[in-house]
Amino acid sequence: MARRPKAETQRMFKAVAVLLRNTTWKCGKIERLVVGYLQSHLRRDGRRWSRIRDMVQHFKLKGKQKSEFFDALRRLEKRRIIRIETL
């Protein structure tokens, strides 16, 4: 697994994740955590989105875990479960 460029990581920190579909079928552990986090935001605040920076802080990710988290976000976006929008 190659290391991500710093500019791409910084762009991801400034972006938001928007929940498009409420499904976790054939998803891994990290993907389920992300979808569950966005579902709780929808139930609690009525918002379908959350900042990626807030999610990283909530899950207390460091190093390799953060890289796996970004990969999981990309997989969810590819499957059209979430949409990543830059601000």
N, C-alpha and C. Protein backbone atom coordinates (compact mmCIF):
# COMPACT_ATOMS: atom_id res chain seq x y z
N MET A 1 0.85 -1.17 0.00
CA MET A 1 0.00 0.00 0.00
C MET A 1 0.90 1.24 0.00
N ALA A 2 0.70 2.12 -0.96
CA ALA A 2 1.52 3.31 -1.11
C ALA A 2 1.03 4.41 -0.17
N ARG A 3 1.95 5.27 0.17
CA ARG A 3 1.63 6.38 1.05
C ARG A 3 0.93 7.48 0.26
N ARG A 4 -0.06 8.11 0.86
CA ARG A 4 -0.81 9.17 0.20
C ARG A 4 -0.03 10.49 0.25
N PRO A 5 -0.18 11.29 -0.80
CA PRO A 5 0.43 12.62 -0.75
C PRO A 5 -0.22 13.48 0.34
N LYS A 6 0.56 14.36 0.93
CA LYS A 6 0.06 15.20 2.02
C LYS A 6 -1.08 16.09 1.57
N ALA A 7 -1.02 16.60 0.33
CA ALA A 7 -2.07 17.49 -0.17
C ALA A 7 -3.41 16.76 -0.24
N GLU A 8 -3.39 15.49 -0.66
CA GLU A 8 -4.63 14.73 -0.74
C GLU A 8 -5.22 14.50 0.64
N THR A 9 -4.38 14.21 1.62
CA THR A 9 -4.85 14.00 2.98
C THR A 9 -5.46 15.28 3.54
N GLN A 10 -4.82 16.41 3.29
CA GLN A 10 -5.35 17.68 3.78
C GLN A 10 -6.68 18.01 3.12
N ARG A 11 -6.83 17.68 1.83
CA ARG A 11 -8.11 17.89 1.15
C ARG A 11 -9.21 17.05 1.78
N MET A 12 -8.86 15.81 2.15
CA MET A 12 -9.85 14.93 2.78
C MET A 12 -10.27 15.48 4.14
N PHE A 13 -9.33 16.07 4.89
CA PHE A 13 -9.68 16.63 6.20
C PHE A 13 -10.66 17.78 6.08
N LYS A 14 -10.58 18.54 5.00
CA LYS A 14 -11.46 19.69 4.83
C LYS A 14 -12.80 19.31 4.20
N ALA A 15 -12.94 18.06 3.76
CA ALA A 15 -14.15 17.62 3.07
C ALA A 15 -15.22 17.17 4.06
N VAL A 16 -16.42 16.95 3.51
CA VAL A 16 -17.52 16.39 4.29
C VAL A 16 -18.00 15.12 3.60
N ALA A 17 -18.53 14.20 4.40
CA ALA A 17 -19.11 12.97 3.87
C ALA A 17 -20.62 13.07 3.99
N VAL A 18 -21.32 12.83 2.89
CA VAL A 18 -22.77 12.93 2.84
C VAL A 18 -23.34 11.53 2.65
N LEU A 19 -24.25 11.13 3.52
CA LEU A 19 -24.88 9.82 3.44
C LEU A 19 -25.93 9.81 2.33
N LEU A 20 -25.76 8.92 1.36
CA LEU A 20 -26.72 8.81 0.26
C LEU A 20 -27.68 7.65 0.47
N ARG A 21 -27.15 6.51 0.94
CA ARG A 21 -27.97 5.32 1.16
C ARG A 21 -27.71 4.77 2.54
N ASN A 22 -28.75 4.24 3.13
CA ASN A 22 -28.67 3.72 4.48
C ASN A 22 -28.50 2.20 4.43
N THR A 23 -27.34 1.74 3.94
CA THR A 23 -27.12 0.31 3.81
C THR A 23 -25.68 -0.04 4.17
N THR A 24 -25.50 -1.21 4.75
CA THR A 24 -24.15 -1.69 5.05
C THR A 24 -23.95 -3.09 4.51
N TRP A 25 -24.71 -3.47 3.52
CA TRP A 25 -24.61 -4.80 2.94
C TRP A 25 -23.25 -4.97 2.28
N LYS A 26 -22.56 -6.05 2.61
CA LYS A 26 -21.23 -6.38 2.09
C LYS A 26 -20.19 -5.32 2.44
N CYS A 27 -20.32 -4.67 3.56
CA CYS A 27 -19.36 -3.67 4.01
C CYS A 27 -18.48 -4.27 5.10
N GLY A 28 -17.28 -3.73 5.21
CA GLY A 28 -16.38 -4.15 6.26
C GLY A 28 -16.65 -3.41 7.56
N LYS A 29 -15.81 -3.67 8.56
CA LYS A 29 -16.00 -3.10 9.89
C LYS A 29 -15.92 -1.57 9.88
N ILE A 30 -14.92 -1.04 9.20
CA ILE A 30 -14.75 0.42 9.19
C ILE A 30 -15.88 1.09 8.42
N GLU A 31 -16.29 0.50 7.31
CA GLU A 31 -17.40 1.06 6.54
C GLU A 31 -18.68 1.10 7.38
N ARG A 32 -18.93 0.04 8.16
CA ARG A 32 -20.11 0.02 9.02
C ARG A 32 -20.05 1.11 10.08
N LEU A 33 -18.84 1.33 10.62
CA LEU A 33 -18.69 2.40 11.62
C LEU A 33 -19.01 3.76 11.02
N VAL A 34 -18.53 4.01 9.80
CA VAL A 34 -18.77 5.30 9.14
C VAL A 34 -20.26 5.49 8.87
N VAL A 35 -20.90 4.48 8.30
CA VAL A 35 -22.33 4.60 7.98
C VAL A 35 -23.14 4.75 9.27
N GLY A 36 -22.78 4.02 10.30
CA GLY A 36 -23.47 4.15 11.59
C GLY A 36 -23.31 5.54 12.19
N TYR A 37 -22.11 6.11 12.06
CA TYR A 37 -21.85 7.47 12.56
C TYR A 37 -22.73 8.47 11.81
N LEU A 38 -22.80 8.34 10.48
CA LEU A 38 -23.62 9.26 9.69
C LEU A 38 -25.11 9.06 9.97
N GLN A 39 -25.52 7.82 10.21
CA GLN A 39 -26.92 7.56 10.57
C GLN A 39 -27.27 8.21 11.91
N SER A 40 -26.36 8.15 12.86
CA SER A 40 -26.64 8.77 14.16
C SER A 40 -26.74 10.29 14.02
N HIS A 41 -25.93 10.88 13.15
CA HIS A 41 -26.04 12.32 12.89
C HIS A 41 -27.40 12.64 12.29
N LEU A 42 -27.87 11.79 11.39
CA LEU A 42 -29.18 12.02 10.76
C LEU A 42 -30.30 11.93 11.79
N ARG A 43 -30.22 10.94 12.67
CA ARG A 43 -31.26 10.79 13.69
C ARG A 43 -31.21 11.92 14.72
N ARG A 44 -30.00 12.30 15.13
CA ARG A 44 -29.85 13.27 16.21
C ARG A 44 -30.05 14.70 15.72
N ASP A 45 -29.38 15.10 14.62
CA ASP A 45 -29.39 16.49 14.18
C ASP A 45 -30.23 16.76 12.95
N GLY A 46 -30.61 15.70 12.23
CA GLY A 46 -31.34 15.90 10.98
C GLY A 46 -30.42 16.22 9.82
N ARG A 47 -29.10 16.04 10.02
CA ARG A 47 -28.13 16.28 8.95
C ARG A 47 -27.65 14.96 8.40
N ARG A 48 -27.52 14.88 7.08
CA ARG A 48 -27.00 13.66 6.46
C ARG A 48 -25.49 13.72 6.27
N TRP A 49 -24.85 14.79 6.72
CA TRP A 49 -23.42 14.95 6.47
C TRP A 49 -22.66 15.19 7.76
N SER A 50 -21.36 14.96 7.67
CA SER A 50 -20.45 15.23 8.77
C SER A 50 -19.07 15.51 8.20
N ARG A 51 -18.30 16.33 8.90
CA ARG A 51 -16.93 16.59 8.46
C ARG A 51 -16.06 15.36 8.71
N ILE A 52 -15.18 15.11 7.79
CA ILE A 52 -14.28 13.97 7.91
C ILE A 52 -13.33 14.18 9.09
N ARG A 53 -12.93 15.41 9.33
CA ARG A 53 -12.06 15.71 10.47
C ARG A 53 -12.73 15.32 11.79
N ASP A 54 -14.04 15.58 11.91
CA ASP A 54 -14.78 15.20 13.11
C ASP A 54 -14.84 13.69 13.28
N MET A 55 -15.00 12.97 12.16
CA MET A 55 -15.04 11.51 12.24
C MET A 55 -13.69 10.95 12.69
N VAL A 56 -12.60 11.50 12.18
CA VAL A 56 -11.27 11.03 12.57
C VAL A 56 -11.05 11.26 14.07
N GLN A 57 -11.49 12.41 14.57
CA GLN A 57 -11.36 12.69 15.99
C GLN A 57 -12.27 11.79 16.83
N HIS A 58 -13.47 11.52 16.34
CA HIS A 58 -14.41 10.67 17.07
C HIS A 58 -13.88 9.24 17.20
N PHE A 59 -13.34 8.70 16.10
CA PHE A 59 -12.83 7.33 16.12
C PHE A 59 -11.41 7.23 16.68
N LYS A 60 -10.76 8.38 16.98
CA LYS A 60 -9.41 8.43 17.56
C LYS A 60 -8.42 7.63 16.71
N LEU A 61 -8.33 7.99 15.43
CA LEU A 61 -7.47 7.26 14.49
C LEU A 61 -6.06 7.83 14.46
N LYS A 62 -5.09 6.94 14.36
CA LYS A 62 -3.68 7.32 14.27
C LYS A 62 -3.01 6.46 13.21
N GLY A 63 -2.06 7.03 12.48
CA GLY A 63 -1.19 6.29 11.58
C GLY A 63 -1.89 5.42 10.57
N LYS A 64 -1.64 4.12 10.63
CA LYS A 64 -2.17 3.16 9.66
C LYS A 64 -3.69 3.10 9.71
N GLN A 65 -4.26 3.26 10.89
CA GLN A 65 -5.71 3.25 11.02
C GLN A 65 -6.33 4.37 10.20
N LYS A 66 -5.67 5.54 10.19
CA LYS A 66 -6.19 6.67 9.44
C LYS A 66 -6.16 6.37 7.94
N SER A 67 -5.10 5.72 7.49
CA SER A 67 -5.00 5.34 6.08
C SER A 67 -6.09 4.35 5.71
N GLU A 68 -6.34 3.37 6.56
CA GLU A 68 -7.41 2.40 6.31
C GLU A 68 -8.78 3.09 6.31
N PHE A 69 -8.95 4.09 7.16
CA PHE A 69 -10.19 4.86 7.22
C PHE A 69 -10.43 5.59 5.90
N PHE A 70 -9.39 6.24 5.36
CA PHE A 70 -9.53 6.94 4.08
C PHE A 70 -9.83 5.96 2.95
N ASP A 71 -9.21 4.78 2.98
CA ASP A 71 -9.51 3.75 1.98
C ASP A 71 -10.97 3.32 2.09
N ALA A 72 -11.48 3.18 3.31
CA ALA A 72 -12.87 2.79 3.51
C ALA A 72 -13.82 3.87 2.97
N LEU A 73 -13.47 5.14 3.16
CA LEU A 73 -14.30 6.22 2.61
C LEU A 73 -14.33 6.14 1.10
N ARG A 74 -13.19 5.87 0.48
CA ARG A 74 -13.14 5.74 -0.98
C ARG A 74 -14.00 4.57 -1.47
N ARG A 75 -13.96 3.44 -0.75
CA ARG A 75 -14.77 2.29 -1.13
C ARG A 75 -16.27 2.62 -1.02
N LEU A 76 -16.64 3.31 0.05
CA LEU A 76 -18.04 3.69 0.21
C LEU A 76 -18.49 4.66 -0.88
N GLU A 77 -17.59 5.56 -1.28
CA GLU A 77 -17.92 6.50 -2.34
C GLU A 77 -18.04 5.77 -3.68
N LYS A 78 -17.19 4.81 -3.91
CA LYS A 78 -17.24 4.03 -5.15
C LYS A 78 -18.53 3.24 -5.25
N ARG A 79 -19.03 2.74 -4.11
CA ARG A 79 -20.27 1.97 -4.08
C ARG A 79 -21.51 2.88 -3.99
N ARG A 80 -21.30 4.18 -4.00
CA ARG A 80 -22.37 5.20 -3.96
C ARG A 80 -23.23 5.11 -2.71
N ILE A 81 -22.57 4.84 -1.59
CA ILE A 81 -23.26 4.86 -0.30
C ILE A 81 -23.08 6.22 0.35
N ILE A 82 -21.90 6.83 0.16
CA ILE A 82 -21.66 8.20 0.61
C ILE A 82 -21.12 9.01 -0.57
N ARG A 83 -21.11 10.33 -0.39
CA ARG A 83 -20.50 11.23 -1.36
C ARG A 83 -19.54 12.13 -0.58
N ILE A 84 -18.33 12.30 -1.08
CA ILE A 84 -17.35 13.16 -0.43
C ILE A 84 -17.32 14.48 -1.18
N GLU A 85 -17.61 15.56 -0.47
CA GLU A 85 -17.64 16.88 -1.07
C GLU A 85 -16.59 17.76 -0.40
N THR A 86 -15.80 18.44 -1.22
CA THR A 86 -14.79 19.34 -0.67
C THR A 86 -15.42 20.70 -0.42
N LEU A 87 -14.94 21.36 0.61
CA LEU A 87 -15.47 22.69 0.95
C LEU A 87 -14.58 23.78 0.41
